[in-house]
PDB file of all heavy atoms in Angstrom:
ATOM      1  N   ARG A   1      48.583 115.606 -78.200  1.00  0.00           N
ATOM      2  CA  ARG A   1      48.711 116.597 -77.293  1.00  0.00           C
ATOM      3  C   ARG A   1      50.017 116.627 -76.703  1.00  0.00           C
ATOM      4  O   ARG A   1      50.610 117.748 -76.472  1.00  0.00           O
ATOM      5  CB  ARG A   1      47.756 116.310 -76.116  1.00  0.00           C
ATOM      6  CG  ARG A   1      47.733 117.359 -74.994  1.00  0.00           C
ATOM      7  CD  ARG A   1      46.560 117.063 -73.971  1.00  0.00           C
ATOM      8  NE  ARG A   1      46.543 117.983 -72.947  1.00  0.00           N
ATOM      9  CZ  ARG A   1      45.722 117.807 -71.915  1.00  0.00           C
ATOM     10  NH1 ARG A   1      44.835 116.982 -71.856  1.00  0.00           N
ATOM     11  NH2 ARG A   1      45.784 118.889 -70.872  1.00  0.00           N
ATOM     12  N   LEU A   2      50.682 115.531 -76.434  1.00  0.00           N
ATOM     13  CA  LEU A   2      52.056 115.523 -75.848  1.00  0.00           C
ATOM     14  C   LEU A   2      53.052 116.127 -76.772  1.00  0.00           C
ATOM     15  O   LEU A   2      53.897 116.949 -76.437  1.00  0.00           O
ATOM     16  CB  LEU A   2      52.458 114.068 -75.548  1.00  0.00           C
ATOM     17  CG  LEU A   2      53.946 113.919 -74.988  1.00  0.00           C
ATOM     18  CD1 LEU A   2      53.984 114.608 -73.757  1.00  0.00           C
ATOM     19  CD2 LEU A   2      54.102 112.517 -74.846  1.00  0.00           C
ATOM     20  N   LEU A   3      52.953 115.750 -78.006  1.00  0.00           N
ATOM     21  CA  LEU A   3      53.897 116.354 -79.041  1.00  0.00           C
ATOM     22  C   LEU A   3      53.734 117.862 -79.212  1.00  0.00           C
ATOM     23  O   LEU A   3      54.672 118.625 -79.429  1.00  0.00           O
ATOM     24  CB  LEU A   3      53.849 115.701 -80.400  1.00  0.00           C
ATOM     25  CG  LEU A   3      54.304 114.122 -80.436  1.00  0.00           C
ATOM     26  CD1 LEU A   3      53.764 113.447 -81.655  1.00  0.00           C
ATOM     27  CD2 LEU A   3      55.806 114.159 -80.193  1.00  0.00           C
ATOM     28  N   ALA A   4      52.477 118.261 -79.216  1.00  0.00           N
ATOM     29  CA  ALA A   4      52.122 119.618 -79.254  1.00  0.00           C
ATOM     30  C   ALA A   4      52.745 120.523 -78.084  1.00  0.00           C
ATOM     31  O   ALA A   4      53.225 121.623 -78.211  1.00  0.00           O
ATOM     32  CB  ALA A   4      50.631 120.003 -79.347  1.00  0.00           C
ATOM     33  N   SER A   5      52.737 119.715 -76.934  1.00  0.00           N
ATOM     34  CA  SER A   5      53.219 120.463 -75.734  1.00  0.00           C
ATOM     35  C   SER A   5      54.806 120.670 -75.837  1.00  0.00           C
ATOM     36  O   SER A   5      55.362 121.520 -75.219  1.00  0.00           O
ATOM     37  CB  SER A   5      52.978 119.620 -74.461  1.00  0.00           C
ATOM     38  OG  SER A   5      53.686 118.490 -74.457  1.00  0.00           O
ATOM     39  N   PHE A   6      55.469 119.856 -76.706  1.00  0.00           N
ATOM     40  CA  PHE A   6      56.855 119.996 -76.938  1.00  0.00           C
ATOM     41  C   PHE A   6      57.132 120.893 -78.168  1.00  0.00           C
ATOM     42  O   PHE A   6      58.377 121.028 -78.506  1.00  0.00           O
ATOM     43  CB  PHE A   6      57.505 118.633 -77.190  1.00  0.00           C
ATOM     44  CG  PHE A   6      57.597 117.651 -76.117  1.00  0.00           C
ATOM     45  CD1 PHE A   6      57.371 116.332 -76.208  1.00  0.00           C
ATOM     46  CD2 PHE A   6      57.723 118.185 -74.768  1.00  0.00           C
ATOM     47  CE1 PHE A   6      57.303 115.422 -75.165  1.00  0.00           C
ATOM     48  CE2 PHE A   6      57.725 117.384 -73.652  1.00  0.00           C
ATOM     49  CZ  PHE A   6      57.479 115.926 -73.880  1.00  0.00           C
ATOM     50  N   GLY A   7      56.113 121.380 -78.774  1.00  0.00           N
ATOM     51  CA  GLY A   7      56.225 122.203 -79.993  1.00  0.00           C
ATOM     52  C   GLY A   7      56.663 121.537 -81.213  1.00  0.00           C
ATOM     53  O   GLY A   7      57.095 122.016 -82.161  1.00  0.00           O
ATOM     54  N   VAL A   8      56.288 120.154 -81.283  1.00  0.00           N
ATOM     55  CA  VAL A   8      56.639 119.340 -82.415  1.00  0.00           C
ATOM     56  C   VAL A   8      55.482 118.524 -82.885  1.00  0.00           C
ATOM     57  O   VAL A   8      55.466 117.473 -83.101  1.00  0.00           O
ATOM     58  CB  VAL A   8      57.847 118.423 -82.187  1.00  0.00           C
ATOM     59  CG1 VAL A   8      59.112 119.099 -81.994  1.00  0.00           C
ATOM     60  CG2 VAL A   8      57.536 117.603 -80.818  1.00  0.00           C
ATOM     61  N   ARG A   9      54.220 119.209 -82.988  1.00  0.00           N
ATOM     62  CA  ARG A   9      53.034 118.524 -83.234  1.00  0.00           C
ATOM     63  C   ARG A   9      53.129 117.839 -84.638  1.00  0.00           C
ATOM     64  O   ARG A   9      52.376 116.874 -84.847  1.00  0.00           O
ATOM     65  CB  ARG A   9      51.906 119.546 -83.201  1.00  0.00           C
ATOM     66  CG  ARG A   9      50.597 118.914 -83.293  1.00  0.00           C
ATOM     67  CD  ARG A   9      49.338 119.891 -82.976  1.00  0.00           C
ATOM     68  NE  ARG A   9      48.131 119.264 -83.235  1.00  0.00           N
ATOM     69  CZ  ARG A   9      47.124 119.782 -83.706  1.00  0.00           C
ATOM     70  NH1 ARG A   9      47.100 121.014 -84.316  1.00  0.00           N
ATOM     71  NH2 ARG A   9      45.945 119.147 -83.840  1.00  0.00           N
ATOM     72  N   ASN A  10      53.948 118.449 -85.560  1.00  0.00           N
ATOM     73  CA  ASN A  10      54.001 117.763 -86.855  1.00  0.00           C
ATOM     74  C   ASN A  10      54.661 116.425 -86.826  1.00  0.00           C
ATOM     75  O   ASN A  10      54.523 115.686 -87.836  1.00  0.00           O
ATOM     76  CB  ASN A  10      54.885 118.743 -87.652  1.00  0.00           C
ATOM     77  CG  ASN A  10      56.351 118.665 -87.157  1.00  0.00           C
ATOM     78  OD1 ASN A  10      56.696 119.366 -86.208  1.00  0.00           O
ATOM     79  ND2 ASN A  10      57.185 118.099 -87.871  1.00  0.00           N
ATOM     80  N   LEU A  11      55.182 115.978 -85.717  1.00  0.00           N
ATOM     81  CA  LEU A  11      55.703 114.599 -85.614  1.00  0.00           C
ATOM     82  C   LEU A  11      54.693 113.618 -85.476  1.00  0.00           C
ATOM     83  O   LEU A  11      54.932 112.366 -85.648  1.00  0.00           O
ATOM     84  CB  LEU A  11      56.743 114.610 -84.468  1.00  0.00           C
ATOM     85  CG  LEU A  11      58.033 115.452 -84.527  1.00  0.00           C
ATOM     86  CD1 LEU A  11      58.797 115.063 -83.451  1.00  0.00           C
ATOM     87  CD2 LEU A  11      58.799 115.081 -85.878  1.00  0.00           C
ATOM     88  N   ASN A  12      53.425 114.006 -85.111  1.00  0.00           N
ATOM     89  CA  ASN A  12      52.447 113.017 -84.986  1.00  0.00           C
ATOM     90  C   ASN A  12      52.153 112.225 -86.272  1.00  0.00           C
ATOM     91  O   ASN A  12      52.029 113.060 -87.260  1.00  0.00           O
ATOM     92  CB  ASN A  12      50.996 113.539 -84.507  1.00  0.00           C
ATOM     93  CG  ASN A  12      50.022 112.663 -84.205  1.00  0.00           C
ATOM     94  OD1 ASN A  12      49.769 111.753 -84.916  1.00  0.00           O
ATOM     95  ND2 ASN A  12      49.272 112.795 -83.012  1.00  0.00           N
ATOM     96  N   PRO A  13      52.237 110.975 -86.311  1.00  0.00           N
ATOM     97  CA  PRO A  13      52.051 110.296 -87.662  1.00  0.00           C
ATOM     98  C   PRO A  13      50.815 110.651 -88.374  1.00  0.00           C
ATOM     99  O   PRO A  13      50.743 110.559 -89.792  1.00  0.00           O
ATOM    100  CB  PRO A  13      52.013 108.848 -87.322  1.00  0.00           C
ATOM    101  CG  PRO A  13      52.989 108.768 -86.000  1.00  0.00           C
ATOM    102  CD  PRO A  13      52.535 110.070 -85.356  1.00  0.00           C
ATOM    103  N   ALA A  14      49.873 111.086 -87.665  1.00  0.00           N
ATOM    104  CA  ALA A  14      48.512 111.560 -88.445  1.00  0.00           C
ATOM    105  C   ALA A  14      48.760 112.896 -89.266  1.00  0.00           C
ATOM    106  O   ALA A  14      47.938 113.121 -90.086  1.00  0.00           O
ATOM    107  CB  ALA A  14      47.464 111.809 -87.381  1.00  0.00           C
ATOM    108  N   ARG A  15      49.949 113.517 -88.929  1.00  0.00           N
ATOM    109  CA  ARG A  15      50.262 114.753 -89.664  1.00  0.00           C
ATOM    110  C   ARG A  15      51.359 114.654 -90.432  1.00  0.00           C
ATOM    111  O   ARG A  15      51.900 115.667 -91.032  1.00  0.00           O
ATOM    112  CB  ARG A  15      50.342 115.897 -88.638  1.00  0.00           C
ATOM    113  CG  ARG A  15      49.227 115.988 -87.697  1.00  0.00           C
ATOM    114  CD  ARG A  15      49.561 116.923 -86.573  1.00  0.00           C
ATOM    115  NE  ARG A  15      49.758 118.328 -87.106  1.00  0.00           N
ATOM    116  CZ  ARG A  15      48.834 119.300 -87.241  1.00  0.00           C
ATOM    117  NH1 ARG A  15      47.531 118.937 -87.034  1.00  0.00           N
ATOM    118  NH2 ARG A  15      49.122 120.448 -87.646  1.00  0.00           N
ATOM    119  N   TRP A  16      52.029 113.474 -90.549  1.00  0.00           N
ATOM    120  CA  TRP A  16      53.272 113.265 -91.328  1.00  0.00           C
ATOM    121  C   TRP A  16      53.141 113.815 -92.812  1.00  0.00           C
ATOM    122  O   TRP A  16      54.241 114.202 -93.270  1.00  0.00           O
ATOM    123  CB  TRP A  16      53.632 111.822 -91.392  1.00  0.00           C
ATOM    124  CG  TRP A  16      54.410 111.296 -90.135  1.00  0.00           C
ATOM    125  CD1 TRP A  16      54.462 112.019 -89.011  1.00  0.00           C
ATOM    126  CD2 TRP A  16      55.295 110.195 -90.105  1.00  0.00           C
ATOM    127  NE1 TRP A  16      55.400 111.314 -88.159  1.00  0.00           N
ATOM    128  CE2 TRP A  16      55.776 110.289 -88.750  1.00  0.00           C
ATOM    129  CE3 TRP A  16      55.587 109.204 -91.039  1.00  0.00           C
ATOM    130  CZ2 TRP A  16      56.793 109.157 -88.368  1.00  0.00           C
ATOM    131  CZ3 TRP A  16      56.464 108.180 -90.557  1.00  0.00           C
ATOM    132  CH2 TRP A  16      57.162 108.304 -89.311  1.00  0.00           C
ATOM    133  N   PHE A  17      52.116 113.794 -93.348  1.00  0.00           N
ATOM    134  CA  PHE A  17      52.086 114.086 -94.848  1.00  0.00           C
ATOM    135  C   PHE A  17      51.593 115.544 -95.083  1.00  0.00           C
ATOM    136  O   PHE A  17      51.409 115.860 -96.356  1.00  0.00           O
ATOM    137  CB  PHE A  17      51.322 112.982 -95.673  1.00  0.00           C
ATOM    138  CG  PHE A  17      51.912 111.663 -95.290  1.00  0.00           C
ATOM    139  CD1 PHE A  17      51.075 110.706 -94.628  1.00  0.00           C
ATOM    140  CD2 PHE A  17      53.153 111.347 -95.535  1.00  0.00           C
ATOM    141  CE1 PHE A  17      51.537 109.442 -94.293  1.00  0.00           C
ATOM    142  CE2 PHE A  17      53.732 110.010 -95.171  1.00  0.00           C
ATOM    143  CZ  PHE A  17      52.858 109.142 -94.550  1.00  0.00           C
ATOM    144  N   LEU A  18      51.273 116.206 -94.081  1.00  0.00           N
ATOM    145  CA  LEU A  18      50.937 117.567 -94.250  1.00  0.00           C
ATOM    146  C   LEU A  18      52.242 118.546 -94.506  1.00  0.00           C
ATOM    147  O   LEU A  18      53.114 118.421 -93.702  1.00  0.00           O
ATOM    148  CB  LEU A  18      50.204 118.156 -93.012  1.00  0.00           C
ATOM    149  CG  LEU A  18      48.905 117.558 -92.717  1.00  0.00           C
ATOM    150  CD1 LEU A  18      48.303 118.177 -91.409  1.00  0.00           C
ATOM    151  CD2 LEU A  18      47.893 117.806 -93.910  1.00  0.00           C
ATOM    152  N   PRO A  19      52.300 119.389 -95.493  1.00  0.00           N
ATOM    153  CA  PRO A  19      53.478 120.188 -95.776  1.00  0.00           C
ATOM    154  C   PRO A  19      53.825 121.001 -94.585  1.00  0.00           C
ATOM    155  O   PRO A  19      52.907 121.428 -93.908  1.00  0.00           O
ATOM    156  CB  PRO A  19      53.170 121.028 -96.938  1.00  0.00           C
ATOM    157  CG  PRO A  19      51.944 120.155 -97.627  1.00  0.00           C
ATOM    158  CD  PRO A  19      51.302 119.525 -96.598  1.00  0.00           C
ATOM    159  N   PHE A  20      55.212 121.211 -94.331  1.00  0.00           N
ATOM    160  CA  PHE A  20      55.557 122.037 -93.218  1.00  0.00           C
ATOM    161  C   PHE A  20      55.007 123.345 -93.272  1.00  0.00           C
ATOM    162  O   PHE A  20      54.518 123.951 -92.232  1.00  0.00           O
ATOM    163  CB  PHE A  20      57.034 122.135 -93.212  1.00  0.00           C
ATOM    164  CG  PHE A  20      57.754 120.832 -92.744  1.00  0.00           C
ATOM    165  CD1 PHE A  20      58.753 120.345 -93.544  1.00  0.00           C
ATOM    166  CD2 PHE A  20      57.336 120.065 -91.723  1.00  0.00           C
ATOM    167  CE1 PHE A  20      59.483 119.116 -93.160  1.00  0.00           C
ATOM    168  CE2 PHE A  20      57.882 118.884 -91.417  1.00  0.00           C
ATOM    169  CZ  PHE A  20      59.047 118.554 -92.149  1.00  0.00           C
ATOM    170  N   GLU A  21      54.847 123.972 -94.478  1.00  0.00           N
ATOM    171  CA  GLU A  21      54.411 125.287 -94.658  1.00  0.00           C
ATOM    172  C   GLU A  21      52.833 125.395 -94.217  1.00  0.00           C
ATOM    173  O   GLU A  21      52.447 126.202 -93.463  1.00  0.00           O
ATOM    174  CB  GLU A  21      54.357 125.802 -96.028  1.00  0.00           C
ATOM    175  CG  GLU A  21      55.767 126.053 -96.578  1.00  0.00           C
ATOM    176  CD  GLU A  21      55.784 126.666 -97.952  1.00  0.00           C
ATOM    177  OE1 GLU A  21      54.662 126.913 -98.470  1.00  0.00           O
ATOM    178  OE2 GLU A  21      56.854 126.908 -98.428  1.00  0.00           O
ATOM    179  N   GLU A  22      52.209 124.310 -94.626  1.00  0.00           N
ATOM    180  CA  GLU A  22      50.709 124.360 -94.198  1.00  0.00           C
ATOM    181  C   GLU A  22      50.616 124.211 -92.632  1.00  0.00           C
ATOM    182  O   GLU A  22      49.687 124.900 -92.041  1.00  0.00           O
ATOM    183  CB  GLU A  22      49.992 123.091 -94.924  1.00  0.00           C
ATOM    184  CG  GLU A  22      48.549 122.923 -94.586  1.00  0.00           C
ATOM    185  CD  GLU A  22      47.890 121.814 -95.396  1.00  0.00           C
ATOM    186  OE1 GLU A  22      48.301 121.667 -96.579  1.00  0.00           O
ATOM    187  OE2 GLU A  22      47.102 121.168 -94.810  1.00  0.00           O
ATOM    188  N   GLN A  23      51.349 123.456 -92.125  1.00  0.00           N
ATOM    189  CA  GLN A  23      51.276 123.203 -90.589  1.00  0.00           C
ATOM    190  C   GLN A  23      51.714 124.550 -89.974  1.00  0.00           C
ATOM    191  O   GLN A  23      51.159 124.893 -88.824  1.00  0.00           O
ATOM    192  CB  GLN A  23      52.211 121.994 -90.150  1.00  0.00           C
ATOM    193  CG  GLN A  23      51.756 120.833 -90.714  1.00  0.00           C
ATOM    194  CD  GLN A  23      52.273 119.577 -89.875  1.00  0.00           C
ATOM    195  OE1 GLN A  23      52.091 119.546 -88.804  1.00  0.00           O
ATOM    196  NE2 GLN A  23      52.771 118.551 -90.610  1.00  0.00           N
ATOM    197  N   ALA A  24      52.722 125.182 -90.500  1.00  0.00           N
ATOM    198  CA  ALA A  24      53.152 126.511 -89.819  1.00  0.00           C
ATOM    199  C   ALA A  24      52.060 127.532 -89.916  1.00  0.00           C
ATOM    200  O   ALA A  24      51.730 128.296 -89.025  1.00  0.00           O
ATOM    201  CB  ALA A  24      54.336 126.949 -90.515  1.00  0.00           C
ATOM    202  N   ASP A  25      51.353 127.541 -91.088  1.00  0.00           N
ATOM    203  CA  ASP A  25      50.214 128.553 -91.280  1.00  0.00           C
ATOM    204  C   ASP A  25      49.073 128.321 -90.269  1.00  0.00           C
ATOM    205  O   ASP A  25      48.418 129.174 -89.791  1.00  0.00           O
ATOM    206  CB  ASP A  25      49.669 128.513 -92.644  1.00  0.00           C
ATOM    207  CG  ASP A  25      50.786 129.004 -93.684  1.00  0.00           C
ATOM    208  OD1 ASP A  25      51.630 129.627 -93.213  1.00  0.00           O
ATOM    209  OD2 ASP A  25      50.561 128.752 -94.887  1.00  0.00           O
ATOM    210  N   ALA A  26      48.858 126.979 -89.923  1.00  0.00           N
ATOM    211  CA  ALA A  26      47.742 126.699 -89.014  1.00  0.00           C
ATOM    212  C   ALA A  26      48.106 126.685 -87.543  1.00  0.00           C
ATOM    213  O   ALA A  26      47.317 126.695 -86.868  1.00  0.00           O
ATOM    214  CB  ALA A  26      47.319 125.131 -89.438  1.00  0.00           C
ATOM    215  N   ALA A  27      49.344 126.923 -87.280  1.00  0.00           N
ATOM    216  CA  ALA A  27      49.810 126.910 -85.828  1.00  0.00           C
ATOM    217  C   ALA A  27      49.230 128.204 -85.172  1.00  0.00           C
ATOM    218  O   ALA A  27      49.078 129.198 -85.769  1.00  0.00           O
ATOM    219  CB  ALA A  27      51.395 126.855 -85.805  1.00  0.00           C
TER     220      ALA A  27
END
């Protein structure tokens, strides 16, 4: 939640291995 509030949710280690494209599409 904290990282999402900074607009960098992809930095959460739970999401480290999700491709950037996939994360951008889900945003």
